[in-house]
Amino acid sequence: MFRDATGFKEVYLVTGYTDLRRGIDGLATLIEQEYKLNPYEKNVLFLFCGRRLDRCKGLTYEGDGFLLLYKRLEAGQFVWPRCESEAMLISPQQYKWLMQGFTVEQRNVIKDVKPSRIA
């Protein structure tokens, strides 16, 4: 379930450090009060990481209740943005990079372009 972001209309990555001892209520309150986002919006995934980079939590609301996801890597670490604390909206590709151990802010990504003329 944590491998890809299919099924989610939006994915927010909470940068900085989050106390992963928080449960559903604590994380939902954090989303609502600190980041002014609606934790009760369906099919939106919120991602959190603590000081240890080998584990993260995800929180999503499914309409009838919350689902709390927890992932602990057996080897390796997540490359989590540690700038000021914010809820960063990330793309499905950025989510995939994060789960593969890459940074979400790739510097050397080759972007698609529309050719101005055909040679």
C-alpha atoms as a PDB file:
ATOM      1  CA  MET A   1       0.000   0.000   0.000  1.00  0.00           C
ATOM      2  CA  PHE A   2       2.871   2.387   0.743  1.00  0.00           C
ATOM      3  CA  ARG A   3       4.675   1.602  -2.529  1.00  0.00           C
ATOM      4  CA  ASP A   4       2.660   3.887  -4.772  1.00  0.00           C
ATOM      5  CA  ALA A   5       0.236   6.764  -4.484  1.00  0.00           C
ATOM      6  CA  THR A   6      -2.463   5.404  -6.766  1.00  0.00           C
ATOM      7  CA  GLY A   7      -5.902   5.930  -5.319  1.00  0.00           C
ATOM      8  CA  PHE A   8      -4.965   9.185  -3.604  1.00  0.00           C
ATOM      9  CA  LYS A   9      -6.009  12.446  -5.200  1.00  0.00           C
ATOM     10  CA  GLU A  10      -3.390  14.384  -3.220  1.00  0.00           C
ATOM     11  CA  VAL A  11      -0.324  13.501  -1.137  1.00  0.00           C
ATOM     12  CA  TYR A  12       1.092  15.923   1.419  1.00  0.00           C
ATOM     13  CA  LEU A  13       4.549  15.423   2.862  1.00  0.00           C
ATOM     14  CA  VAL A  14       5.021  17.087   6.255  1.00  0.00           C
ATOM     15  CA  THR A  15       8.616  18.311   6.222  1.00  0.00           C
ATOM     16  CA  GLY A  16      10.754  18.640   9.306  1.00  0.00           C
ATOM     17  CA  TYR A  17      10.436  16.337  12.308  1.00  0.00           C
ATOM     18  CA  THR A  18       7.190  14.843  13.619  1.00  0.00           C
ATOM     19  CA  ASP A  19       6.864  12.975  16.902  1.00  0.00           C
ATOM     20  CA  LEU A  20       5.821   9.536  15.646  1.00  0.00           C
ATOM     21  CA  ARG A  21       4.458   8.623  19.059  1.00  0.00           C
ATOM     22  CA  ARG A  22       1.390  10.610  18.032  1.00  0.00           C
ATOM     23  CA  GLY A  23      -1.576   8.569  17.000  1.00  0.00           C
ATOM     24  CA  ILE A  24      -4.504   9.301  14.722  1.00  0.00           C
ATOM     25  CA  ASP A  25      -5.985  12.098  16.836  1.00  0.00           C
ATOM     26  CA  GLY A  26      -2.643  13.826  17.383  1.00  0.00           C
ATOM     27  CA  LEU A  27      -1.686  13.728  13.707  1.00  0.00           C
ATOM     28  CA  ALA A  28      -5.150  14.857  12.564  1.00  0.00           C
ATOM     29  CA  THR A  29      -4.999  17.787  15.014  1.00  0.00           C
ATOM     30  CA  LEU A  30      -1.524  18.699  13.740  1.00  0.00           C
ATOM     31  CA  ILE A  31      -2.772  18.727  10.130  1.00  0.00           C
ATOM     32  CA  GLU A  32      -5.752  20.872  11.021  1.00  0.00           C
ATOM     33  CA  GLN A  33      -4.200  23.384  13.425  1.00  0.00           C
ATOM     34  CA  GLU A  34      -0.582  23.693  12.272  1.00  0.00           C
ATOM     35  CA  TYR A  35      -1.016  23.389   8.503  1.00  0.00           C
ATOM     36  CA  LYS A  36      -4.636  24.573   8.097  1.00  0.00           C
ATOM     37  CA  LEU A  37      -5.580  21.529   6.003  1.00  0.00           C
ATOM     38  CA  ASN A  38      -8.631  19.297   6.315  1.00  0.00           C
ATOM     39  CA  PRO A  39      -7.665  15.847   7.641  1.00  0.00           C
ATOM     40  CA  TYR A  40     -11.224  14.622   6.915  1.00  0.00           C
ATOM     41  CA  GLU A  41     -10.886  15.005   3.149  1.00  0.00           C
ATOM     42  CA  LYS A  42     -11.241  11.601   1.487  1.00  0.00           C
ATOM     43  CA  ASN A  43      -8.389  10.073  -0.523  1.00  0.00           C
ATOM     44  CA  VAL A  44      -5.755  12.520   0.703  1.00  0.00           C
ATOM     45  CA  LEU A  45      -2.604  11.027   2.221  1.00  0.00           C
ATOM     46  CA  PHE A  46      -0.512  12.892   4.807  1.00  0.00           C
ATOM     47  CA  LEU A  47       3.046  11.618   5.375  1.00  0.00           C
ATOM     48  CA  PHE A  48       5.153  12.153   8.504  1.00  0.00           C
ATOM     49  CA  CYS A  49       8.712  11.251   9.518  1.00  0.00           C
ATOM     50  CA  GLY A  50      10.411  11.429  12.897  1.00  0.00           C
ATOM     51  CA  ARG A  51      14.087  11.832  13.715  1.00  0.00           C
ATOM     52  CA  ARG A  52      14.849   8.268  12.680  1.00  0.00           C
ATOM     53  CA  LEU A  53      14.825   8.172   8.911  1.00  0.00           C
ATOM     54  CA  ASP A  54      14.008   4.482   8.609  1.00  0.00           C
ATOM     55  CA  ARG A  55      10.317   4.877   9.474  1.00  0.00           C
ATOM     56  CA  CYS A  56       7.356   7.019   8.506  1.00  0.00           C
ATOM     57  CA  LYS A  57       3.627   7.265   9.102  1.00  0.00           C
ATOM     58  CA  GLY A  58       0.776   8.002   6.763  1.00  0.00           C
ATOM     59  CA  LEU A  59      -2.711   9.181   7.656  1.00  0.00           C
ATOM     60  CA  THR A  60      -5.753   9.139   5.386  1.00  0.00           C
ATOM     61  CA  TYR A  61      -9.483   9.466   5.929  1.00  0.00           C
ATOM     62  CA  GLU A  62     -11.627   6.871   4.155  1.00  0.00           C
ATOM     63  CA  GLY A  63     -15.074   8.352   4.749  1.00  0.00           C
ATOM     64  CA  ASP A  64     -15.984   6.077   7.636  1.00  0.00           C
ATOM     65  CA  GLY A  65     -12.796   6.540   9.644  1.00  0.00           C
ATOM     66  CA  PHE A  66      -9.063   7.125   9.574  1.00  0.00           C
ATOM     67  CA  LEU A  67      -6.412   4.702   8.364  1.00  0.00           C
ATOM     68  CA  LEU A  68      -2.999   5.022  10.000  1.00  0.00           C
ATOM     69  CA  LEU A  69      -0.116   3.504   8.054  1.00  0.00           C
ATOM     70  CA  TYR A  70       3.335   2.826   9.478  1.00  0.00           C
ATOM     71  CA  LYS A  71       6.386   1.761   7.526  1.00  0.00           C
ATOM     72  CA  ARG A  72       9.748   0.732   8.934  1.00  0.00           C
ATOM     73  CA  LEU A  73      12.529  -0.007   6.485  1.00  0.00           C
ATOM     74  CA  GLU A  74      14.697  -3.037   7.183  1.00  0.00           C
ATOM     75  CA  ALA A  75      17.628  -1.475   5.319  1.00  0.00           C
ATOM     76  CA  GLY A  76      18.168   2.087   4.101  1.00  0.00           C
ATOM     77  CA  GLN A  77      16.603   5.401   4.966  1.00  0.00           C
ATOM     78  CA  PHE A  78      14.103   7.866   3.600  1.00  0.00           C
ATOM     79  CA  VAL A  79      15.509  11.140   2.250  1.00  0.00           C
ATOM     80  CA  TRP A  80      13.089  13.439   4.040  1.00  0.00           C
ATOM     81  CA  PRO A  81      13.108  17.215   3.529  1.00  0.00           C
ATOM     82  CA  ARG A  82      14.147  18.813   6.834  1.00  0.00           C
ATOM     83  CA  CYS A  83      13.685  22.481   5.954  1.00  0.00           C
ATOM     84  CA  GLU A  84      11.167  24.527   7.905  1.00  0.00           C
ATOM     85  CA  SER A  85       8.075  22.614   8.856  1.00  0.00           C
ATOM     86  CA  GLU A  86       5.432  22.709   6.129  1.00  0.00           C
ATOM     87  CA  ALA A  87       2.950  20.431   4.409  1.00  0.00           C
ATOM     88  CA  MET A  88       4.318  20.062   0.888  1.00  0.00           C
ATOM     89  CA  LEU A  89       1.996  18.844  -1.856  1.00  0.00           C
ATOM     90  CA  ILE A  90       3.933  16.244  -3.842  1.00  0.00           C
ATOM     91  CA  SER A  91       3.260  14.557  -7.168  1.00  0.00           C
ATOM     92  CA  PRO A  92       2.888  10.783  -7.660  1.00  0.00           C
ATOM     93  CA  GLN A  93       6.401  10.772  -9.185  1.00  0.00           C
ATOM     94  CA  GLN A  94       7.856  12.553  -6.155  1.00  0.00           C
ATOM     95  CA  TYR A  95       6.092  10.046  -3.893  1.00  0.00           C
ATOM     96  CA  LYS A  96       7.639   7.198  -5.875  1.00  0.00           C
ATOM     97  CA  TRP A  97      11.086   8.790  -5.539  1.00  0.00           C
ATOM     98  CA  LEU A  98      10.598   9.150  -1.774  1.00  0.00           C
ATOM     99  CA  MET A  99       9.610   5.493  -1.360  1.00  0.00           C
ATOM    100  CA  GLN A 100      12.631   4.431  -3.460  1.00  0.00           C
ATOM    101  CA  GLY A 101      15.056   6.332  -1.230  1.00  0.00           C
ATOM    102  CA  PHE A 102      15.556   9.396  -3.432  1.00  0.00           C
ATOM    103  CA  THR A 103      14.903  13.019  -2.601  1.00  0.00           C
ATOM    104  CA  VAL A 104      11.571  14.494  -3.685  1.00  0.00           C
ATOM    105  CA  GLU A 105      13.369  17.557  -4.995  1.00  0.00           C
ATOM    106  CA  GLN A 106      15.383  16.069  -7.846  1.00  0.00           C
ATOM    107  CA  ARG A 107      17.784  18.618  -9.302  1.00  0.00           C
ATOM    108  CA  ASN A 108      18.553  16.910 -12.593  1.00  0.00           C
ATOM    109  CA  VAL A 109      15.158  15.807 -13.821  1.00  0.00           C
ATOM    110  CA  ILE A 110      14.768  16.082 -17.572  1.00  0.00           C
ATOM    111  CA  LYS A 111      11.399  17.682 -18.183  1.00  0.00           C
ATOM    112  CA  ASP A 112       9.099  17.135 -21.142  1.00  0.00           C
ATOM    113  CA  VAL A 113       9.030  19.982 -23.631  1.00  0.00           C
ATOM    114  CA  LYS A 114       6.845  20.775 -26.603  1.00  0.00           C
ATOM    115  CA  PRO A 115       8.911  21.254 -29.721  1.00  0.00           C
ATOM    116  CA  SER A 116       8.413  24.660 -31.297  1.00  0.00           C
ATOM    117  CA  ARG A 117       8.890  23.225 -34.753  1.00  0.00           C
ATOM    118  CA  ILE A 118       9.369  19.903 -36.434  1.00  0.00           C
ATOM    119  CA  ALA A 119      12.788  19.454 -38.030  1.00  0.00           C
END
